[in-house]
C-alpha cells in the first residue's frame, strides 16, 4: 500500500482537504447504504456495516449523516448499487485495481476506461492484475497513536502480520478473515483507528521514473475523483525525491 499512501499524502499537502473531505463523506455514505441494504441495518449483526460506520466516525463524519445513509438503504426507492472491480495497467506498466459502487455500469466503465486511455494506460479483463496483489486487512493509526515499537508490540499481540510506520501513519496488515478480531484488540490497546478495511496489497512494487510518475499520479487522481470509484490500489514505487517534486 506504499504507493496508495504516498498519493494520499500528496493530495493533502496540496491543500485539497475540504474538497477531499466532501467527496470522502459521499463515498463513505454510499458504502454505509450498500452495507445496510445487503445485510442487517443493525451494525451489531452486520460486520460490513460496522466497519463502514467505524471508518465514517474516524473521518469525523456527523452522526446524522451516518444515520441518513442507513435510513436511505431501507426506503422502497433506495438506489441500487453494483459492486464492480476494474483492472488494468497504468504508465510504466504499473498494475492498477479500481473498486467502484455504481448505479450505472456503462457510465462507470466508460469513465474508467477513458481515464486509463487518457494517461497512456489500458484497462484489462477482471483478473488481469489482481493475481499480483493479496487481499488483506489494513488498519491505519495516526503517528500520534504511539511510537513504532509500541504499535508493533500491540499489533503482534493482536495477531497482525506486518506493521509499517512513518512519521504520519502506522499501517497494520493482517489476514482479511482476522480483521474484525485484530482491529478490536488494537482498539483496546491504541484507541480508535483512522480506518479499518479490506484492501489489495501488492506483492511486489514496480519502480516508476519521474516522467511516468507524473502521468501515473494524474491517472490515480482522475480515478479517485470519480464519484463512482470507492478505492484505487496500485503497485508503484516512486522515490522520495520524485514524490516531493510532485507534491510541489
C-alpha atoms as a PDB file:
ATOM      1  CA  UNK A   1       0.000   0.000   0.000  1.00  0.00           C
ATOM      2  CA  UNK A   2       3.038   2.261  -0.071  1.00  0.00           C
ATOM      3  CA  UNK A   3       2.090   3.785  -3.388  1.00  0.00           C
ATOM      4  CA  UNK A   4      -1.508   4.385  -2.370  1.00  0.00           C
ATOM      5  CA  UNK A   5      -0.466   6.066   0.883  1.00  0.00           C
ATOM      6  CA  UNK A   6       2.103   8.232  -0.878  1.00  0.00           C
ATOM      7  CA  UNK A   7      -0.573   9.554  -3.220  1.00  0.00           C
ATOM      8  CA  UNK A   8      -2.889  10.366  -0.296  1.00  0.00           C
ATOM      9  CA  UNK A   9      -0.105  12.381   1.349  1.00  0.00           C
ATOM     10  CA  UNK A  10       0.407  14.413  -1.817  1.00  0.00           C
ATOM     11  CA  UNK A  11      -3.295  15.186  -2.098  1.00  0.00           C
ATOM     12  CA  UNK A  12      -3.430  16.514   1.442  1.00  0.00           C
ATOM     13  CA  UNK A  13      -0.224  18.527   1.131  1.00  0.00           C
ATOM     14  CA  UNK A  14      -1.663  20.280  -1.905  1.00  0.00           C
ATOM     15  CA  UNK A  15      -4.343  21.780   0.301  1.00  0.00           C
ATOM     16  CA  UNK A  16      -7.322  19.892  -1.081  1.00  0.00           C
ATOM     17  CA  UNK A  17      -8.579  18.826   2.351  1.00  0.00           C
ATOM     18  CA  UNK A  18     -12.046  20.392   2.046  1.00  0.00           C
ATOM     19  CA  UNK A  19     -12.798  19.015  -1.405  1.00  0.00           C
ATOM     20  CA  UNK A  20     -11.338  15.645  -0.480  1.00  0.00           C
ATOM     21  CA  UNK A  21     -13.400  15.512   2.740  1.00  0.00           C
ATOM     22  CA  UNK A  22     -16.651  16.303   0.924  1.00  0.00           C
ATOM     23  CA  UNK A  23     -16.019  13.578  -1.643  1.00  0.00           C
ATOM     24  CA  UNK A  24     -14.897  11.200   1.107  1.00  0.00           C
ATOM     25  CA  UNK A  25     -18.148  11.707   3.032  1.00  0.00           C
ATOM     26  CA  UNK A  26     -20.110  10.945  -0.123  1.00  0.00           C
ATOM     27  CA  UNK A  27     -18.206   7.705  -0.692  1.00  0.00           C
ATOM     28  CA  UNK A  28     -18.448   6.679   2.964  1.00  0.00           C
ATOM     29  CA  UNK A  29     -22.213   7.292   2.845  1.00  0.00           C
ATOM     30  CA  UNK A  30     -22.543   5.120  -0.232  1.00  0.00           C
ATOM     31  CA  UNK A  31     -20.638   2.276   1.436  1.00  0.00           C
ATOM     32  CA  UNK A  32     -22.851   2.541   4.542  1.00  0.00           C
ATOM     33  CA  UNK A  33     -26.002   2.461   2.404  1.00  0.00           C
ATOM     34  CA  UNK A  34     -24.831  -0.581   0.422  1.00  0.00           C
ATOM     35  CA  UNK A  35     -23.683  -2.427   3.557  1.00  0.00           C
ATOM     36  CA  UNK A  36     -27.014  -1.779   5.297  1.00  0.00           C
ATOM     37  CA  UNK A  37     -29.059  -2.729   2.229  1.00  0.00           C
ATOM     38  CA  UNK A  38     -27.210  -6.002   1.596  1.00  0.00           C
ATOM     39  CA  UNK A  39     -27.292  -7.015   5.259  1.00  0.00           C
ATOM     40  CA  UNK A  40     -28.936  -6.067   8.531  1.00  0.00           C
ATOM     41  CA  UNK A  41     -29.347  -2.302   9.205  1.00  0.00           C
ATOM     42  CA  UNK A  42     -28.166  -3.037  12.753  1.00  0.00           C
ATOM     43  CA  UNK A  43     -24.335  -2.773  12.829  1.00  0.00           C
ATOM     44  CA  UNK A  44     -24.206  -5.179  15.791  1.00  0.00           C
ATOM     45  CA  UNK A  45     -25.166  -8.025  13.451  1.00  0.00           C
ATOM     46  CA  UNK A  46     -23.646  -6.684  10.226  1.00  0.00           C
ATOM     47  CA  UNK A  47     -19.802  -6.687  10.219  1.00  0.00           C
ATOM     48  CA  UNK A  48     -19.528  -4.792   6.922  1.00  0.00           C
ATOM     49  CA  UNK A  49     -21.836  -2.041   8.163  1.00  0.00           C
ATOM     50  CA  UNK A  50     -19.982  -1.907  11.460  1.00  0.00           C
ATOM     51  CA  UNK A  51     -16.677  -1.308   9.641  1.00  0.00           C
ATOM     52  CA  UNK A  52     -18.271   1.289   7.347  1.00  0.00           C
ATOM     53  CA  UNK A  53     -19.636   3.221  10.321  1.00  0.00           C
ATOM     54  CA  UNK A  54     -16.333   2.935  12.168  1.00  0.00           C
ATOM     55  CA  UNK A  55     -14.470   4.383   9.181  1.00  0.00           C
ATOM     56  CA  UNK A  56     -17.010   7.184   8.843  1.00  0.00           C
ATOM     57  CA  UNK A  57     -16.661   8.106  12.514  1.00  0.00           C
ATOM     58  CA  UNK A  58     -12.868   8.041  12.225  1.00  0.00           C
ATOM     59  CA  UNK A  59     -13.182  10.686   9.497  1.00  0.00           C
ATOM     60  CA  UNK A  60     -15.402  12.827  11.777  1.00  0.00           C
ATOM     61  CA  UNK A  61     -18.497  12.220   9.693  1.00  0.00           C
ATOM     62  CA  UNK A  62     -21.532  13.580  11.624  1.00  0.00           C
ATOM     63  CA  UNK A  63     -23.848  11.038  13.263  1.00  0.00           C
ATOM     64  CA  UNK A  64     -26.850  12.396  11.359  1.00  0.00           C
ATOM     65  CA  UNK A  65     -25.076  11.750   8.045  1.00  0.00           C
ATOM     66  CA  UNK A  66     -24.375   8.173   9.096  1.00  0.00           C
ATOM     67  CA  UNK A  67     -27.975   7.588  10.161  1.00  0.00           C
ATOM     68  CA  UNK A  68     -29.270   9.186   6.960  1.00  0.00           C
ATOM     69  CA  UNK A  69     -27.159   6.770   4.906  1.00  0.00           C
ATOM     70  CA  UNK A  70     -28.559   3.803   6.871  1.00  0.00           C
ATOM     71  CA  UNK A  71     -32.130   5.066   6.515  1.00  0.00           C
ATOM     72  CA  UNK A  72     -31.623   5.507   2.797  1.00  0.00           C
ATOM     73  CA  UNK A  73     -30.953   1.777   2.451  1.00  0.00           C
ATOM     74  CA  UNK A  74     -34.349   0.899   3.908  1.00  0.00           C
ATOM     75  CA  UNK A  75     -36.508   3.018   1.643  1.00  0.00           C
ATOM     76  CA  UNK A  76     -38.534   1.342  -1.067  1.00  0.00           C
ATOM     77  CA  UNK A  77     -36.986   3.704  -3.599  1.00  0.00           C
ATOM     78  CA  UNK A  78     -33.441   3.118  -2.369  1.00  0.00           C
ATOM     79  CA  UNK A  79     -30.854   3.324  -5.135  1.00  0.00           C
ATOM     80  CA  UNK A  80     -29.337   0.014  -6.181  1.00  0.00           C
ATOM     81  CA  UNK A  81     -25.557  -0.006  -6.491  1.00  0.00           C
ATOM     82  CA  UNK A  82     -23.464  -2.685  -8.192  1.00  0.00           C
ATOM     83  CA  UNK A  83     -20.015  -3.504  -6.830  1.00  0.00           C
ATOM     84  CA  UNK A  84     -17.534  -3.712  -9.696  1.00  0.00           C
ATOM     85  CA  UNK A  85     -13.775  -4.188  -9.871  1.00  0.00           C
ATOM     86  CA  UNK A  86     -11.779  -2.883 -12.813  1.00  0.00           C
ATOM     87  CA  UNK A  87      -8.184  -3.833 -13.505  1.00  0.00           C
ATOM     88  CA  UNK A  88      -5.539  -2.522 -15.849  1.00  0.00           C
ATOM     89  CA  UNK A  89      -2.069  -1.134 -16.393  1.00  0.00           C
ATOM     90  CA  UNK A  90      -1.060   2.473 -15.927  1.00  0.00           C
ATOM     91  CA  UNK A  91       2.017   4.375 -17.140  1.00  0.00           C
ATOM     92  CA  UNK A  92       5.270   2.489 -16.589  1.00  0.00           C
ATOM     93  CA  UNK A  93       3.492  -0.880 -16.504  1.00  0.00           C
ATOM     94  CA  UNK A  94       2.052  -0.228 -13.041  1.00  0.00           C
ATOM     95  CA  UNK A  95      -0.787  -2.596 -12.105  1.00  0.00           C
ATOM     96  CA  UNK A  96      -3.962  -0.784 -11.014  1.00  0.00           C
ATOM     97  CA  UNK A  97      -7.109  -2.090  -9.305  1.00  0.00           C
ATOM     98  CA  UNK A  98     -10.213   0.108  -9.146  1.00  0.00           C
ATOM     99  CA  UNK A  99     -13.186  -0.694  -6.903  1.00  0.00           C
ATOM    100  CA  UNK A 100     -16.479   1.020  -7.722  1.00  0.00           C
ATOM    101  CA  UNK A 101     -20.053   1.245  -6.452  1.00  0.00           C
ATOM    102  CA  UNK A 102     -22.298   2.359  -9.279  1.00  0.00           C
ATOM    103  CA  UNK A 103     -25.929   2.655 -10.322  1.00  0.00           C
ATOM    104  CA  UNK A 104     -24.882   2.799 -13.973  1.00  0.00           C
ATOM    105  CA  UNK A 105     -22.348   0.197 -15.099  1.00  0.00           C
ATOM    106  CA  UNK A 106     -21.997   1.622 -18.607  1.00  0.00           C
ATOM    107  CA  UNK A 107     -21.207   5.123 -17.356  1.00  0.00           C
ATOM    108  CA  UNK A 108     -18.622   3.928 -14.862  1.00  0.00           C
ATOM    109  CA  UNK A 109     -16.900   1.521 -17.249  1.00  0.00           C
ATOM    110  CA  UNK A 110     -16.733   4.213 -19.920  1.00  0.00           C
ATOM    111  CA  UNK A 111     -15.289   6.761 -17.487  1.00  0.00           C
ATOM    112  CA  UNK A 112     -12.683   4.405 -16.025  1.00  0.00           C
ATOM    113  CA  UNK A 113     -11.603   3.264 -19.494  1.00  0.00           C
ATOM    114  CA  UNK A 114     -11.239   6.885 -20.626  1.00  0.00           C
ATOM    115  CA  UNK A 115      -9.000   7.708 -17.644  1.00  0.00           C
ATOM    116  CA  UNK A 116      -6.675   4.806 -18.441  1.00  0.00           C
ATOM    117  CA  UNK A 117      -6.562   5.743 -22.127  1.00  0.00           C
ATOM    118  CA  UNK A 118      -6.016   9.449 -21.452  1.00  0.00           C
ATOM    119  CA  UNK A 119      -2.991   8.649 -19.287  1.00  0.00           C
ATOM    120  CA  UNK A 120      -1.376   6.119 -21.619  1.00  0.00           C
ATOM    121  CA  UNK A 121      -2.629   3.069 -19.774  1.00  0.00           C
ATOM    122  CA  UNK A 122      -5.018   0.282 -20.698  1.00  0.00           C
ATOM    123  CA  UNK A 123      -7.894  -1.442 -18.969  1.00  0.00           C
ATOM    124  CA  UNK A 124      -7.717  -5.228 -18.864  1.00  0.00           C
ATOM    125  CA  UNK A 125     -10.046  -8.073 -18.020  1.00  0.00           C
ATOM    126  CA  UNK A 126     -11.041  -8.891 -14.450  1.00  0.00           C
ATOM    127  CA  UNK A 127      -8.172 -10.932 -13.013  1.00  0.00           C
ATOM    128  CA  UNK A 128      -5.563  -9.446 -15.352  1.00  0.00           C
ATOM    129  CA  UNK A 129      -3.592  -7.820 -12.488  1.00  0.00           C
ATOM    130  CA  UNK A 130      -5.273  -8.882  -9.219  1.00  0.00           C
ATOM    131  CA  UNK A 131      -3.090 -12.013  -9.088  1.00  0.00           C
ATOM    132  CA  UNK A 132      -0.207  -9.645  -8.275  1.00  0.00           C
ATOM    133  CA  UNK A 133      -1.963  -8.457  -5.099  1.00  0.00           C
ATOM    134  CA  UNK A 134      -3.022 -10.092  -1.838  1.00  0.00           C
ATOM    135  CA  UNK A 135      -6.429  -9.445  -0.271  1.00  0.00           C
ATOM    136  CA  UNK A 136      -5.639  -8.406   3.308  1.00  0.00           C
ATOM    137  CA  UNK A 137      -6.971  -6.423   6.237  1.00  0.00           C
ATOM    138  CA  UNK A 138      -5.479  -2.940   6.720  1.00  0.00           C
ATOM    139  CA  UNK A 139      -5.771  -0.878   9.898  1.00  0.00           C
ATOM    140  CA  UNK A 140      -4.444   2.678   9.924  1.00  0.00           C
ATOM    141  CA  UNK A 141      -3.441   4.660  13.015  1.00  0.00           C
ATOM    142  CA  UNK A 142      -2.079   8.217  13.124  1.00  0.00           C
ATOM    143  CA  UNK A 143       1.535   8.640  14.156  1.00  0.00           C
ATOM    144  CA  UNK A 144       0.413  10.110  17.490  1.00  0.00           C
ATOM    145  CA  UNK A 145      -1.140   6.741  18.479  1.00  0.00           C
ATOM    146  CA  UNK A 146       2.284   5.708  19.772  1.00  0.00           C
ATOM    147  CA  UNK A 147       5.894   5.038  18.886  1.00  0.00           C
ATOM    148  CA  UNK A 148       6.805   2.421  16.298  1.00  0.00           C
ATOM    149  CA  UNK A 149       7.837  -0.109  18.970  1.00  0.00           C
ATOM    150  CA  UNK A 150       4.632   0.397  20.961  1.00  0.00           C
ATOM    151  CA  UNK A 151       2.448  -0.066  17.896  1.00  0.00           C
ATOM    152  CA  UNK A 152       4.474  -3.072  16.738  1.00  0.00           C
ATOM    153  CA  UNK A 153       4.094  -4.794  20.102  1.00  0.00           C
ATOM    154  CA  UNK A 154       0.351  -4.105  20.155  1.00  0.00           C
ATOM    155  CA  UNK A 155      -0.001  -5.396  16.587  1.00  0.00           C
ATOM    156  CA  UNK A 156       1.871  -8.627  17.333  1.00  0.00           C
ATOM    157  CA  UNK A 157      -0.217  -9.171  20.451  1.00  0.00           C
ATOM    158  CA  UNK A 158      -3.406  -8.597  18.411  1.00  0.00           C
ATOM    159  CA  UNK A 159      -2.404 -11.161  15.786  1.00  0.00           C
ATOM    160  CA  UNK A 160      -1.367  -8.864  12.943  1.00  0.00           C
ATOM    161  CA  UNK A 161       1.094  -9.958  10.263  1.00  0.00           C
ATOM    162  CA  UNK A 162       3.013  -6.761   9.475  1.00  0.00           C
ATOM    163  CA  UNK A 163       3.428  -3.132  10.531  1.00  0.00           C
ATOM    164  CA  UNK A 164       4.814  -0.202   8.524  1.00  0.00           C
ATOM    165  CA  UNK A 165       5.386   3.023  10.448  1.00  0.00           C
ATOM    166  CA  UNK A 166       6.443   6.507   9.399  1.00  0.00           C
ATOM    167  CA  UNK A 167       6.108   9.950  10.976  1.00  0.00           C
ATOM    168  CA  UNK A 168       2.453  10.298   9.975  1.00  0.00           C
ATOM    169  CA  UNK A 169       0.920   6.833   9.914  1.00  0.00           C
ATOM    170  CA  UNK A 170       1.096   3.305  11.282  1.00  0.00           C
ATOM    171  CA  UNK A 171      -0.169   0.782   8.713  1.00  0.00           C
ATOM    172  CA  UNK A 172      -1.039  -2.584  10.245  1.00  0.00           C
ATOM    173  CA  UNK A 173      -1.669  -5.590   7.993  1.00  0.00           C
ATOM    174  CA  UNK A 174      -3.487  -8.783   8.935  1.00  0.00           C
ATOM    175  CA  UNK A 175      -5.233 -11.701   7.241  1.00  0.00           C
ATOM    176  CA  UNK A 176      -8.552 -10.377   5.949  1.00  0.00           C
ATOM    177  CA  UNK A 177     -10.534 -13.026   7.831  1.00  0.00           C
ATOM    178  CA  UNK A 178      -8.909 -11.827  11.082  1.00  0.00           C
ATOM    179  CA  UNK A 179      -9.652  -8.132  10.504  1.00  0.00           C
ATOM    180  CA  UNK A 180     -12.523  -7.899  12.993  1.00  0.00           C
ATOM    181  CA  UNK A 181     -10.646  -9.599  15.854  1.00  0.00           C
ATOM    182  CA  UNK A 182      -7.363  -7.767  15.228  1.00  0.00           C
ATOM    183  CA  UNK A 183      -8.988  -4.319  14.959  1.00  0.00           C
ATOM    184  CA  UNK A 184     -10.969  -4.926  18.162  1.00  0.00           C
ATOM    185  CA  UNK A 185      -7.830  -5.938  20.054  1.00  0.00           C
ATOM    186  CA  UNK A 186      -5.904  -2.938  18.718  1.00  0.00           C
ATOM    187  CA  UNK A 187      -8.691  -0.549  19.660  1.00  0.00           C
ATOM    188  CA  UNK A 188      -8.332  -1.721  23.249  1.00  0.00           C
ATOM    189  CA  UNK A 189      -4.582  -1.071  23.164  1.00  0.00           C
ATOM    190  CA  UNK A 190      -4.242   2.001  20.919  1.00  0.00           C
ATOM    191  CA  UNK A 191      -7.696   3.589  20.747  1.00  0.00           C
ATOM    192  CA  UNK A 192      -9.900   4.116  17.697  1.00  0.00           C
ATOM    193  CA  UNK A 193      -8.107   3.721  14.329  1.00  0.00           C
ATOM    194  CA  UNK A 194      -8.336   6.081  11.361  1.00  0.00           C
ATOM    195  CA  UNK A 195      -9.639   3.307   9.141  1.00  0.00           C
ATOM    196  CA  UNK A 196     -10.265  -0.432   9.080  1.00  0.00           C
ATOM    197  CA  UNK A 197     -10.761  -2.024   5.698  1.00  0.00           C
ATOM    198  CA  UNK A 198     -10.031  -4.925   3.382  1.00  0.00           C
ATOM    199  CA  UNK A 199      -7.552  -3.843   0.710  1.00  0.00           C
ATOM    200  CA  UNK A 200      -5.455  -5.106  -2.190  1.00  0.00           C
ATOM    201  CA  UNK A 201      -1.801  -5.182  -1.111  1.00  0.00           C
ATOM    202  CA  UNK A 202       0.759  -5.513  -3.927  1.00  0.00           C
ATOM    203  CA  UNK A 203       3.095  -8.497  -3.681  1.00  0.00           C
ATOM    204  CA  UNK A 204       5.893  -6.559  -5.391  1.00  0.00           C
ATOM    205  CA  UNK A 205       6.330  -2.906  -6.389  1.00  0.00           C
ATOM    206  CA  UNK A 206       7.090  -1.532  -9.849  1.00  0.00           C
ATOM    207  CA  UNK A 207       9.722   1.260  -9.966  1.00  0.00           C
ATOM    208  CA  UNK A 208       8.488   4.355 -11.816  1.00  0.00           C
ATOM    209  CA  UNK A 209      10.700   7.183 -13.134  1.00  0.00           C
ATOM    210  CA  UNK A 210       9.880  10.842 -12.638  1.00  0.00           C
ATOM    211  CA  UNK A 211       8.297  11.324 -16.092  1.00  0.00           C
ATOM    212  CA  UNK A 212       5.976   8.323 -15.775  1.00  0.00           C
ATOM    213  CA  UNK A 213       5.253   9.199 -12.121  1.00  0.00           C
ATOM    214  CA  UNK A 214       3.598  12.478 -13.069  1.00  0.00           C
ATOM    215  CA  UNK A 215       1.259  10.792 -15.566  1.00  0.00           C
ATOM    216  CA  UNK A 216       0.573   7.953 -13.144  1.00  0.00           C
ATOM    217  CA  UNK A 217      -0.458  10.394 -10.420  1.00  0.00           C
ATOM    218  CA  UNK A 218      -2.764  12.071 -12.932  1.00  0.00           C
ATOM    219  CA  UNK A 219      -4.417   8.696 -13.606  1.00  0.00           C
ATOM    220  CA  UNK A 220      -4.834   7.908  -9.921  1.00  0.00           C
ATOM    221  CA  UNK A 221      -6.198  11.401  -9.320  1.00  0.00           C
ATOM    222  CA  UNK A 222      -8.783  11.094 -12.100  1.00  0.00           C
ATOM    223  CA  UNK A 223      -9.900   7.725 -10.772  1.00  0.00           C
ATOM    224  CA  UNK A 224     -10.123   8.892  -7.159  1.00  0.00           C
ATOM    225  CA  UNK A 225     -12.094  11.986  -8.154  1.00  0.00           C
ATOM    226  CA  UNK A 226     -14.776   9.923  -9.926  1.00  0.00           C
ATOM    227  CA  UNK A 227     -17.923   9.722  -7.791  1.00  0.00           C
ATOM    228  CA  UNK A 228     -18.449   6.032  -8.619  1.00  0.00           C
ATOM    229  CA  UNK A 229     -14.935   4.973  -7.587  1.00  0.00           C
ATOM    230  CA  UNK A 230     -14.522   3.896  -3.971  1.00  0.00           C
ATOM    231  CA  UNK A 231     -10.886   2.747  -3.871  1.00  0.00           C
ATOM    232  CA  UNK A 232      -7.792   2.716  -6.070  1.00  0.00           C
ATOM    233  CA  UNK A 233      -4.798   0.439  -5.498  1.00  0.00           C
ATOM    234  CA  UNK A 234      -1.547   0.371  -7.471  1.00  0.00           C
ATOM    235  CA  UNK A 235       1.826  -1.349  -7.149  1.00  0.00           C
ATOM    236  CA  UNK A 236       4.064   1.617  -7.934  1.00  0.00           C
ATOM    237  CA  UNK A 237       7.319   2.518  -6.200  1.00  0.00           C
ATOM    238  CA  UNK A 238       8.304   6.174  -6.539  1.00  0.00           C
ATOM    239  CA  UNK A 239      11.386   7.573  -4.808  1.00  0.00           C
ATOM    240  CA  UNK A 240      11.059  10.291  -2.172  1.00  0.00           C
ATOM    241  CA  UNK A 241      12.724  12.985  -4.300  1.00  0.00           C
ATOM    242  CA  UNK A 242      10.206  12.493  -7.118  1.00  0.00           C
ATOM    243  CA  UNK A 243       7.328  12.393  -4.647  1.00  0.00           C
ATOM    244  CA  UNK A 244       8.494  15.665  -3.096  1.00  0.00           C
ATOM    245  CA  UNK A 245       8.654  17.264  -6.545  1.00  0.00           C
ATOM    246  CA  UNK A 246       5.137  16.053  -7.368  1.00  0.00           C
ATOM    247  CA  UNK A 247       3.897  17.494  -4.075  1.00  0.00           C
ATOM    248  CA  UNK A 248       5.103  20.877  -5.253  1.00  0.00           C
END
